[in-house]
All heavy atoms as atom14 arrays in JSON, in Angstrom:
{
  "sequence": "VDPSAVEFVAKKKGFTPDEMTAYMNKQSGFLGVSGISSDNRDI",
  "atom14_mask": [
    [1, 1, 1, 1, 1, 1, 1, 0, 0, 0, 0, 0, 0, 0],
    [1, 1, 1, 1, 1, 1, 1, 1, 0, 0, 0, 0, 0, 0],
    [1, 1, 1, 1, 1, 1, 1, 0, 0, 0, 0, 0, 0, 0],
    [1, 1, 1, 1, 1, 1, 0, 0, 0, 0, 0, 0, 0, 0],
    [1, 1, 1, 1, 1, 0, 0, 0, 0, 0, 0, 0, 0, 0],
    [1, 1, 1, 1, 1, 1, 1, 0, 0, 0, 0, 0, 0, 0],
    [1, 1, 1, 1, 1, 1, 1, 1, 1, 0, 0, 0, 0, 0],
    [1, 1, 1, 1, 1, 1, 1, 1, 1, 1, 1, 0, 0, 0],
    [1, 1, 1, 1, 1, 1, 1, 0, 0, 0, 0, 0, 0, 0],
    [1, 1, 1, 1, 1, 0, 0, 0, 0, 0, 0, 0, 0, 0],
    [1, 1, 1, 1, 1, 1, 1, 1, 1, 0, 0, 0, 0, 0],
    [1, 1, 1, 1, 1, 1, 1, 1, 1, 0, 0, 0, 0, 0],
    [1, 1, 1, 1, 1, 1, 1, 1, 1, 0, 0, 0, 0, 0],
    [1, 1, 1, 1, 0, 0, 0, 0, 0, 0, 0, 0, 0, 0],
    [1, 1, 1, 1, 1, 1, 1, 1, 1, 1, 1, 0, 0, 0],
    [1, 1, 1, 1, 1, 1, 1, 0, 0, 0, 0, 0, 0, 0],
    [1, 1, 1, 1, 1, 1, 1, 0, 0, 0, 0, 0, 0, 0],
    [1, 1, 1, 1, 1, 1, 1, 1, 0, 0, 0, 0, 0, 0],
    [1, 1, 1, 1, 1, 1, 1, 1, 1, 0, 0, 0, 0, 0],
    [1, 1, 1, 1, 1, 1, 1, 1, 0, 0, 0, 0, 0, 0],
    [1, 1, 1, 1, 1, 1, 1, 0, 0, 0, 0, 0, 0, 0],
    [1, 1, 1, 1, 1, 0, 0, 0, 0, 0, 0, 0, 0, 0],
    [1, 1, 1, 1, 1, 1, 1, 1, 1, 1, 1, 1, 0, 0],
    [1, 1, 1, 1, 1, 1, 1, 1, 0, 0, 0, 0, 0, 0],
    [1, 1, 1, 1, 1, 1, 1, 1, 0, 0, 0, 0, 0, 0],
    [1, 1, 1, 1, 1, 1, 1, 1, 1, 0, 0, 0, 0, 0],
    [1, 1, 1, 1, 1, 1, 1, 1, 1, 0, 0, 0, 0, 0],
    [1, 1, 1, 1, 1, 1, 0, 0, 0, 0, 0, 0, 0, 0],
    [1, 1, 1, 1, 0, 0, 0, 0, 0, 0, 0, 0, 0, 0],
    [1, 1, 1, 1, 1, 1, 1, 1, 1, 1, 1, 0, 0, 0],
    [1, 1, 1, 1, 1, 1, 1, 1, 0, 0, 0, 0, 0, 0],
    [1, 1, 1, 1, 0, 0, 0, 0, 0, 0, 0, 0, 0, 0],
    [1, 1, 1, 1, 1, 1, 1, 0, 0, 0, 0, 0, 0, 0],
    [1, 1, 1, 1, 1, 1, 0, 0, 0, 0, 0, 0, 0, 0],
    [1, 1, 1, 1, 0, 0, 0, 0, 0, 0, 0, 0, 0, 0],
    [1, 1, 1, 1, 1, 1, 1, 1, 0, 0, 0, 0, 0, 0],
    [1, 1, 1, 1, 1, 1, 0, 0, 0, 0, 0, 0, 0, 0],
    [1, 1, 1, 1, 1, 1, 0, 0, 0, 0, 0, 0, 0, 0],
    [1, 1, 1, 1, 1, 1, 1, 1, 0, 0, 0, 0, 0, 0],
    [1, 1, 1, 1, 1, 1, 1, 1, 0, 0, 0, 0, 0, 0],
    [1, 1, 1, 1, 1, 1, 1, 1, 1, 1, 1, 0, 0, 0],
    [1, 1, 1, 1, 1, 1, 1, 1, 0, 0, 0, 0, 0, 0],
    [1, 1, 1, 1, 1, 1, 1, 1, 0, 0, 0, 0, 0, 0]
  ],
  "atom14_positions": [
    [[0.86, -1.19, 0.0], [0.0, 0.0, 0.0], [0.9, 1.24, 0.0], [1.95, 1.23, 0.64], [-0.91, 0.04, 1.26], [-1.73, 1.31, 1.32], [-1.83, -1.17, 1.31], [0.0, 0.0, 0.0], [0.0, 0.0, 0.0], [0.0, 0.0, 0.0], [0.0, 0.0, 0.0], [0.0, 0.0, 0.0], [0.0, 0.0, 0.0], [0.0, 0.0, 0.0]],
    [[0.49, 2.28, -0.7], [1.21, 3.56, -0.67], [1.34, 4.02, 0.79], [0.34, 4.16, 1.49], [0.41, 4.58, -1.48], [1.06, 5.96, -1.55], [2.01, 6.22, -0.78], [0.61, 6.78, -2.36], [0.0, 0.0, 0.0], [0.0, 0.0, 0.0], [0.0, 0.0, 0.0], [0.0, 0.0, 0.0], [0.0, 0.0, 0.0], [0.0, 0.0, 0.0]],
    [[2.57, 4.25, 1.28], [2.75, 4.68, 2.67], [1.96, 5.94, 3.03], [1.53, 6.09, 4.18], [4.26, 4.94, 2.77], [4.86, 4.07, 1.71], [3.85, 4.05, 0.59], [0.0, 0.0, 0.0], [0.0, 0.0, 0.0], [0.0, 0.0, 0.0], [0.0, 0.0, 0.0], [0.0, 0.0, 0.0], [0.0, 0.0, 0.0], [0.0, 0.0, 0.0]],
    [[1.74, 6.8, 2.06], [0.96, 8.02, 2.34], [-0.51, 7.69, 2.61], [-1.18, 8.38, 3.38], [1.07, 9.01, 1.18], [2.39, 9.52, 1.09], [0.0, 0.0, 0.0], [0.0, 0.0, 0.0], [0.0, 0.0, 0.0], [0.0, 0.0, 0.0], [0.0, 0.0, 0.0], [0.0, 0.0, 0.0], [0.0, 0.0, 0.0], [0.0, 0.0, 0.0]],
    [[-1.0, 6.62, 1.97], [-2.38, 6.18, 2.25], [-2.47, 5.66, 3.69], [-3.48, 5.86, 4.37], [-2.79, 5.09, 1.27], [0.0, 0.0, 0.0], [0.0, 0.0, 0.0], [0.0, 0.0, 0.0], [0.0, 0.0, 0.0], [0.0, 0.0, 0.0], [0.0, 0.0, 0.0], [0.0, 0.0, 0.0], [0.0, 0.0, 0.0], [0.0, 0.0, 0.0]],
    [[-1.41, 4.99, 4.14], [-1.37, 4.48, 5.52], [-1.44, 5.65, 6.51], [-2.22, 5.64, 7.47], [-0.08, 3.66, 5.76], [0.03, 3.24, 7.22], [-0.06, 2.43, 4.85], [0.0, 0.0, 0.0], [0.0, 0.0, 0.0], [0.0, 0.0, 0.0], [0.0, 0.0, 0.0], [0.0, 0.0, 0.0], [0.0, 0.0, 0.0], [0.0, 0.0, 0.0]],
    [[-0.63, 6.67, 6.26], [-0.62, 7.85, 7.13], [-1.98, 8.54, 7.11], [-2.5, 8.96, 8.16], [0.47, 8.83, 6.66], [0.56, 10.08, 7.51], [1.47, 11.15, 6.9], [1.56, 11.21, 5.64], [2.06, 11.91, 7.66], [0.0, 0.0, 0.0], [0.0, 0.0, 0.0], [0.0, 0.0, 0.0], [0.0, 0.0, 0.0], [0.0, 0.0, 0.0]],
    [[-2.59, 8.66, 5.93], [-3.89, 9.31, 5.76], [-4.96, 8.59, 6.59], [-5.72, 9.22, 7.34], [-4.27, 9.32, 4.28], [-5.6, 9.93, 3.97], [-5.74, 11.31, 3.84], [-6.73, 9.13, 3.81], [-6.98, 11.87, 3.57], [-7.97, 9.69, 3.53], [-8.1, 11.07, 3.41], [0.0, 0.0, 0.0], [0.0, 0.0, 0.0], [0.0, 0.0, 0.0]],
    [[-5.03, 7.26, 6.46], [-6.03, 6.47, 7.19], [-5.81, 6.57, 8.69], [-6.75, 6.74, 9.47], [-6.0, 4.99, 6.73], [-6.88, 4.12, 7.63], [-6.46, 4.86, 5.28], [0.0, 0.0, 0.0], [0.0, 0.0, 0.0], [0.0, 0.0, 0.0], [0.0, 0.0, 0.0], [0.0, 0.0, 0.0], [0.0, 0.0, 0.0], [0.0, 0.0, 0.0]],
    [[-4.54, 6.48, 9.11], [-4.23, 6.55, 10.54], [-4.7, 7.87, 11.15], [-5.28, 7.9, 12.24], [-2.73, 6.37, 10.75], [0.0, 0.0, 0.0], [0.0, 0.0, 0.0], [0.0, 0.0, 0.0], [0.0, 0.0, 0.0], [0.0, 0.0, 0.0], [0.0, 0.0, 0.0], [0.0, 0.0, 0.0], [0.0, 0.0, 0.0], [0.0, 0.0, 0.0]],
    [[-4.45, 8.97, 10.44], [-4.87, 10.28, 10.94], [-6.39, 10.39, 11.0], [-6.96, 10.89, 11.97], [-4.29, 11.39, 10.06], [-2.8, 11.64, 10.3], [-2.29, 12.75, 9.4], [-0.81, 13.05, 9.69], [-0.28, 14.07, 8.76], [0.0, 0.0, 0.0], [0.0, 0.0, 0.0], [0.0, 0.0, 0.0], [0.0, 0.0, 0.0], [0.0, 0.0, 0.0]],
    [[-7.07, 9.95, 9.94], [-8.52, 10.04, 9.86], [-9.19, 9.21, 10.96], [-10.22, 9.58, 11.51], [-9.02, 9.59, 8.48], [-8.72, 10.56, 7.36], [-9.57, 11.82, 7.49], [-9.36, 12.77, 6.32], [-10.16, 14.02, 6.49], [0.0, 0.0, 0.0], [0.0, 0.0, 0.0], [0.0, 0.0, 0.0], [0.0, 0.0, 0.0], [0.0, 0.0, 0.0]],
    [[-8.63, 8.05, 11.27], [-9.22, 7.16, 12.26], [-8.66, 7.39, 13.66], [-9.13, 6.77, 14.63], [-9.01, 5.7, 11.84], [-9.89, 5.28, 10.65], [-9.85, 3.79, 10.42], [-10.95, 3.34, 9.49], [-12.29, 3.34, 10.13], [0.0, 0.0, 0.0], [0.0, 0.0, 0.0], [0.0, 0.0, 0.0], [0.0, 0.0, 0.0], [0.0, 0.0, 0.0]],
    [[-7.64, 8.24, 13.78], [-7.06, 8.52, 15.08], [-6.27, 7.36, 15.65], [-6.19, 7.17, 16.87], [0.0, 0.0, 0.0], [0.0, 0.0, 0.0], [0.0, 0.0, 0.0], [0.0, 0.0, 0.0], [0.0, 0.0, 0.0], [0.0, 0.0, 0.0], [0.0, 0.0, 0.0], [0.0, 0.0, 0.0], [0.0, 0.0, 0.0], [0.0, 0.0, 0.0]],
    [[-5.67, 6.55, 14.74], [-4.9, 5.39, 15.18], [-3.5, 5.78, 15.62], [-2.86, 6.65, 15.03], [-4.76, 4.38, 14.03], [-6.01, 3.6, 13.7], [-6.15, 3.01, 12.45], [-7.02, 3.43, 14.63], [-7.28, 2.28, 12.13], [-8.16, 2.7, 14.32], [-8.29, 2.12, 13.06], [0.0, 0.0, 0.0], [0.0, 0.0, 0.0], [0.0, 0.0, 0.0]],
    [[-3.0, 5.09, 16.63], [-1.57, 5.15, 16.95], [-0.84, 4.29, 15.92], [-1.47, 3.48, 15.22], [-1.3, 4.57, 18.35], [-1.63, 3.17, 18.34], [-2.1, 5.3, 19.42], [0.0, 0.0, 0.0], [0.0, 0.0, 0.0], [0.0, 0.0, 0.0], [0.0, 0.0, 0.0], [0.0, 0.0, 0.0], [0.0, 0.0, 0.0], [0.0, 0.0, 0.0]],
    [[0.5, 4.41, 15.82], [1.23, 3.55, 14.88], [0.96, 2.06, 15.12], [0.78, 1.29, 14.16], [2.69, 3.91, 15.14], [2.65, 5.34, 15.58], [1.4, 5.45, 16.39], [0.0, 0.0, 0.0], [0.0, 0.0, 0.0], [0.0, 0.0, 0.0], [0.0, 0.0, 0.0], [0.0, 0.0, 0.0], [0.0, 0.0, 0.0], [0.0, 0.0, 0.0]],
    [[0.93, 1.64, 16.39], [0.67, 0.23, 16.69], [-0.73, -0.19, 16.27], [-0.94, -1.3, 15.76], [0.85, -0.04, 18.2], [2.31, -0.08, 18.61], [3.18, -0.12, 17.71], [2.59, -0.07, 19.82], [0.0, 0.0, 0.0], [0.0, 0.0, 0.0], [0.0, 0.0, 0.0], [0.0, 0.0, 0.0], [0.0, 0.0, 0.0], [0.0, 0.0, 0.0]],
    [[-1.7, 0.69, 16.47], [-3.08, 0.38, 16.07], [-3.2, 0.29, 14.55], [-3.91, -0.58, 14.02], [-4.03, 1.45, 16.6], [-4.25, 1.36, 18.11], [-5.0, 2.56, 18.67], [-5.02, 3.64, 18.02], [-5.55, 2.43, 19.79], [0.0, 0.0, 0.0], [0.0, 0.0, 0.0], [0.0, 0.0, 0.0], [0.0, 0.0, 0.0], [0.0, 0.0, 0.0]],
    [[-2.48, 1.15, 13.83], [-2.51, 1.11, 12.37], [-1.86, -0.16, 11.85], [-2.33, -0.79, 10.9], [-1.81, 2.35, 11.79], [-2.0, 2.5, 10.28], [-3.74, 2.76, 9.83], [-3.75, 2.13, 8.13], [0.0, 0.0, 0.0], [0.0, 0.0, 0.0], [0.0, 0.0, 0.0], [0.0, 0.0, 0.0], [0.0, 0.0, 0.0], [0.0, 0.0, 0.0]],
    [[-0.75, -0.57, 12.5], [-0.08, -1.81, 12.11], [-1.0, -3.01, 12.3], [-1.1, -3.88, 11.44], [1.21, -2.0, 12.94], [2.1, -0.92, 12.65], [1.91, -3.31, 12.59], [0.0, 0.0, 0.0], [0.0, 0.0, 0.0], [0.0, 0.0, 0.0], [0.0, 0.0, 0.0], [0.0, 0.0, 0.0], [0.0, 0.0, 0.0], [0.0, 0.0, 0.0]],
    [[-1.7, -3.03, 13.43], [-2.65, -4.12, 13.69], [-3.79, -4.1, 12.67], [-4.25, -5.15, 12.21], [-3.21, -4.0, 15.11], [0.0, 0.0, 0.0], [0.0, 0.0, 0.0], [0.0, 0.0, 0.0], [0.0, 0.0, 0.0], [0.0, 0.0, 0.0], [0.0, 0.0, 0.0], [0.0, 0.0, 0.0], [0.0, 0.0, 0.0], [0.0, 0.0, 0.0]],
    [[-4.25, -2.9, 12.31], [-5.33, -2.73, 11.33], [-4.92, -3.33, 9.98], [-5.71, -4.02, 9.32], [-5.62, -1.24, 11.19], [-6.85, -0.85, 10.42], [-8.12, -1.2, 10.86], [-6.75, -0.09, 9.25], [-9.26, -0.81, 10.17], [-7.88, 0.32, 8.56], [-9.14, -0.05, 9.02], [-10.26, 0.35, 8.33], [0.0, 0.0, 0.0], [0.0, 0.0, 0.0]],
    [[-3.68, -3.1, 9.57], [-3.2, -3.6, 8.28], [-2.88, -5.1, 8.32], [-3.0, -5.79, 7.31], [-1.96, -2.82, 7.84], [-2.23, -1.37, 7.52], [-0.8, -0.53, 6.79], [0.33, -0.53, 8.17], [0.0, 0.0, 0.0], [0.0, 0.0, 0.0], [0.0, 0.0, 0.0], [0.0, 0.0, 0.0], [0.0, 0.0, 0.0], [0.0, 0.0, 0.0]],
    [[-2.48, -5.58, 9.49], [-2.09, -6.99, 9.61], [-3.25, -7.92, 9.91], [-3.24, -9.08, 9.49], [-1.04, -7.16, 10.71], [0.38, -6.97, 10.19], [0.91, -7.82, 9.5], [0.99, -5.85, 10.54], [0.0, 0.0, 0.0], [0.0, 0.0, 0.0], [0.0, 0.0, 0.0], [0.0, 0.0, 0.0], [0.0, 0.0, 0.0], [0.0, 0.0, 0.0]],
    [[-4.24, -7.42, 10.67], [-5.26, -8.33, 11.19], [-6.69, -8.05, 10.73], [-7.56, -8.88, 10.89], [-5.22, -8.31, 12.73], [-3.89, -8.81, 13.29], [-3.85, -8.75, 14.8], [-2.51, -9.26, 15.32], [-2.43, -9.17, 16.82], [0.0, 0.0, 0.0], [0.0, 0.0, 0.0], [0.0, 0.0, 0.0], [0.0, 0.0, 0.0], [0.0, 0.0, 0.0]],
    [[-6.92, -6.86, 10.14], [-8.29, -6.52, 9.75], [-8.41, -6.18, 8.27], [-9.46, -5.73, 7.83], [-8.77, -5.32, 10.58], [-8.82, -5.6, 12.08], [-9.21, -4.36, 12.87], [-10.19, -3.69, 12.56], [-8.43, -4.04, 13.89], [0.0, 0.0, 0.0], [0.0, 0.0, 0.0], [0.0, 0.0, 0.0], [0.0, 0.0, 0.0], [0.0, 0.0, 0.0]],
    [[-7.36, -6.41, 7.52], [-7.35, -6.02, 6.11], [-7.41, -7.26, 5.2], [-7.97, -8.27, 5.57], [-6.11, -5.17, 5.83], [-6.12, -4.01, 6.65], [0.0, 0.0, 0.0], [0.0, 0.0, 0.0], [0.0, 0.0, 0.0], [0.0, 0.0, 0.0], [0.0, 0.0, 0.0], [0.0, 0.0, 0.0], [0.0, 0.0, 0.0], [0.0, 0.0, 0.0]],
    [[-6.83, -7.15, 4.01], [-6.78, -8.3, 3.11], [-8.14, -8.84, 2.71], [-9.1, -8.09, 2.54], [0.0, 0.0, 0.0], [0.0, 0.0, 0.0], [0.0, 0.0, 0.0], [0.0, 0.0, 0.0], [0.0, 0.0, 0.0], [0.0, 0.0, 0.0], [0.0, 0.0, 0.0], [0.0, 0.0, 0.0], [0.0, 0.0, 0.0], [0.0, 0.0, 0.0]],
    [[-8.22, -10.16, 2.56], [-9.48, -10.81, 2.16], [-10.61, -10.38, 3.1], [-11.72, -10.07, 2.67], [-9.37, -12.34, 2.23], [-8.38, -12.97, 1.29], [-7.6, -12.22, 0.42], [-8.22, -14.35, 1.27], [-6.69, -12.82, -0.43], [-7.32, -14.96, 0.42], [-6.55, -14.2, -0.43], [0.0, 0.0, 0.0], [0.0, 0.0, 0.0], [0.0, 0.0, 0.0]],
    [[-10.3, -10.41, 4.41], [-11.31, -10.09, 5.43], [-11.8, -8.65, 5.29], [-13.02, -8.39, 5.26], [-10.72, -10.31, 6.82], [-11.62, -9.94, 8.01], [-12.87, -10.81, 8.04], [-10.85, -10.08, 9.32], [0.0, 0.0, 0.0], [0.0, 0.0, 0.0], [0.0, 0.0, 0.0], [0.0, 0.0, 0.0], [0.0, 0.0, 0.0], [0.0, 0.0, 0.0]],
    [[-10.86, -7.73, 5.19], [-11.23, -6.32, 5.15], [-11.95, -5.91, 3.88], [-12.92, -5.14, 3.92], [0.0, 0.0, 0.0], [0.0, 0.0, 0.0], [0.0, 0.0, 0.0], [0.0, 0.0, 0.0], [0.0, 0.0, 0.0], [0.0, 0.0, 0.0], [0.0, 0.0, 0.0], [0.0, 0.0, 0.0], [0.0, 0.0, 0.0], [0.0, 0.0, 0.0]],
    [[-11.49, -6.43, 2.74], [-12.11, -6.05, 1.46], [-13.46, -6.73, 1.28], [-14.43, -6.11, 0.83], [-11.17, -6.39, 0.27], [-11.86, -6.07, -1.06], [-9.86, -5.6, 0.39], [0.0, 0.0, 0.0], [0.0, 0.0, 0.0], [0.0, 0.0, 0.0], [0.0, 0.0, 0.0], [0.0, 0.0, 0.0], [0.0, 0.0, 0.0], [0.0, 0.0, 0.0]],
    [[-13.54, -8.01, 1.63], [-14.79, -8.75, 1.41], [-15.83, -8.46, 2.48], [-17.04, -8.5, 2.21], [-14.52, -10.26, 1.4], [-14.23, -10.74, 2.7], [0.0, 0.0, 0.0], [0.0, 0.0, 0.0], [0.0, 0.0, 0.0], [0.0, 0.0, 0.0], [0.0, 0.0, 0.0], [0.0, 0.0, 0.0], [0.0, 0.0, 0.0], [0.0, 0.0, 0.0]],
    [[-15.36, -8.2, 3.71], [-16.3, -8.04, 4.82], [-16.91, -9.36, 5.24], [-17.84, -9.4, 6.05], [0.0, 0.0, 0.0], [0.0, 0.0, 0.0], [0.0, 0.0, 0.0], [0.0, 0.0, 0.0], [0.0, 0.0, 0.0], [0.0, 0.0, 0.0], [0.0, 0.0, 0.0], [0.0, 0.0, 0.0], [0.0, 0.0, 0.0], [0.0, 0.0, 0.0]],
    [[-16.35, -10.47, 4.72], [-16.94, -11.8, 4.96], [-16.01, -12.7, 5.77], [-16.36, -13.2, 6.83], [-17.26, -12.51, 3.62], [-18.32, -11.74, 2.85], [-17.72, -13.95, 3.86], [-18.48, -12.21, 1.43], [0.0, 0.0, 0.0], [0.0, 0.0, 0.0], [0.0, 0.0, 0.0], [0.0, 0.0, 0.0], [0.0, 0.0, 0.0], [0.0, 0.0, 0.0]],
    [[-14.8, -12.91, 5.24], [-13.92, -13.92, 5.82], [-12.5, -13.71, 5.34], [-12.26, -13.08, 4.31], [-14.4, -15.32, 5.4], [-13.49, -16.32, 5.79], [0.0, 0.0, 0.0], [0.0, 0.0, 0.0], [0.0, 0.0, 0.0], [0.0, 0.0, 0.0], [0.0, 0.0, 0.0], [0.0, 0.0, 0.0], [0.0, 0.0, 0.0], [0.0, 0.0, 0.0]],
    [[-11.55, -14.29, 6.09], [-10.14, -14.29, 5.67], [-9.8, -15.57, 4.92], [-8.69, -15.73, 4.43], [-9.23, -14.15, 6.89], [-9.39, -15.27, 7.75], [0.0, 0.0, 0.0], [0.0, 0.0, 0.0], [0.0, 0.0, 0.0], [0.0, 0.0, 0.0], [0.0, 0.0, 0.0], [0.0, 0.0, 0.0], [0.0, 0.0, 0.0], [0.0, 0.0, 0.0]],
    [[-10.75, -16.51, 4.85], [-10.53, -17.82, 4.24], [-10.93, -17.81, 2.77], [-12.07, -17.47, 2.44], [-11.34, -18.88, 5.0], [-10.94, -20.3, 4.63], [-10.93, -20.63, 3.41], [-10.65, -21.1, 5.54], [0.0, 0.0, 0.0], [0.0, 0.0, 0.0], [0.0, 0.0, 0.0], [0.0, 0.0, 0.0], [0.0, 0.0, 0.0], [0.0, 0.0, 0.0]],
    [[-9.99, -18.2, 1.91], [-10.25, -18.16, 0.47], [-11.43, -19.02, 0.07], [-12.15, -18.71, -0.89], [-8.99, -18.6, -0.29], [-9.18, -18.53, -1.81], [-9.37, -17.45, -2.36], [-9.18, -19.69, -2.47], [0.0, 0.0, 0.0], [0.0, 0.0, 0.0], [0.0, 0.0, 0.0], [0.0, 0.0, 0.0], [0.0, 0.0, 0.0], [0.0, 0.0, 0.0]],
    [[-11.68, -20.12, 0.78], [-12.81, -20.99, 0.44], [-14.13, -20.24, 0.6], [-15.04, -20.36, -0.24], [-12.79, -22.25, 1.31], [-11.64, -23.19, 0.98], [-11.42, -24.24, 2.05], [-10.92, -23.64, 3.29], [-10.43, -24.34, 4.3], [-10.38, -25.66, 4.24], [-10.0, -23.73, 5.4], [0.0, 0.0, 0.0], [0.0, 0.0, 0.0], [0.0, 0.0, 0.0]],
    [[-14.23, -19.44, 1.67], [-15.44, -18.63, 1.87], [-15.55, -17.54, 0.82], [-16.65, -17.23, 0.34], [-15.4, -17.99, 3.26], [-15.38, -19.02, 4.38], [-15.89, -20.13, 4.18], [-14.83, -18.69, 5.47], [0.0, 0.0, 0.0], [0.0, 0.0, 0.0], [0.0, 0.0, 0.0], [0.0, 0.0, 0.0], [0.0, 0.0, 0.0], [0.0, 0.0, 0.0]],
    [[-14.4, -16.98, 0.44], [-14.38, -15.93, -0.58], [-14.87, -16.48, -1.92], [-15.7, -15.87, -2.6], [-12.96, -15.34, -0.75], [-12.47, -14.69, 0.56], [-12.91, -14.34, -1.91], [-13.27, -13.5, 1.02], [0.0, 0.0, 0.0], [0.0, 0.0, 0.0], [0.0, 0.0, 0.0], [0.0, 0.0, 0.0], [0.0, 0.0, 0.0], [0.0, 0.0, 0.0]]
  ]
}
């Protein structure tokens, strides 16, 4: 992801650096985009 997009989202959501890292690592990807699951079979 463009690092500037990361900074933009963090500021808008009021995230600390650790919270933003967790957001990108644990709430994004298949899960974040689909809103359904992190499992490809469900996707």
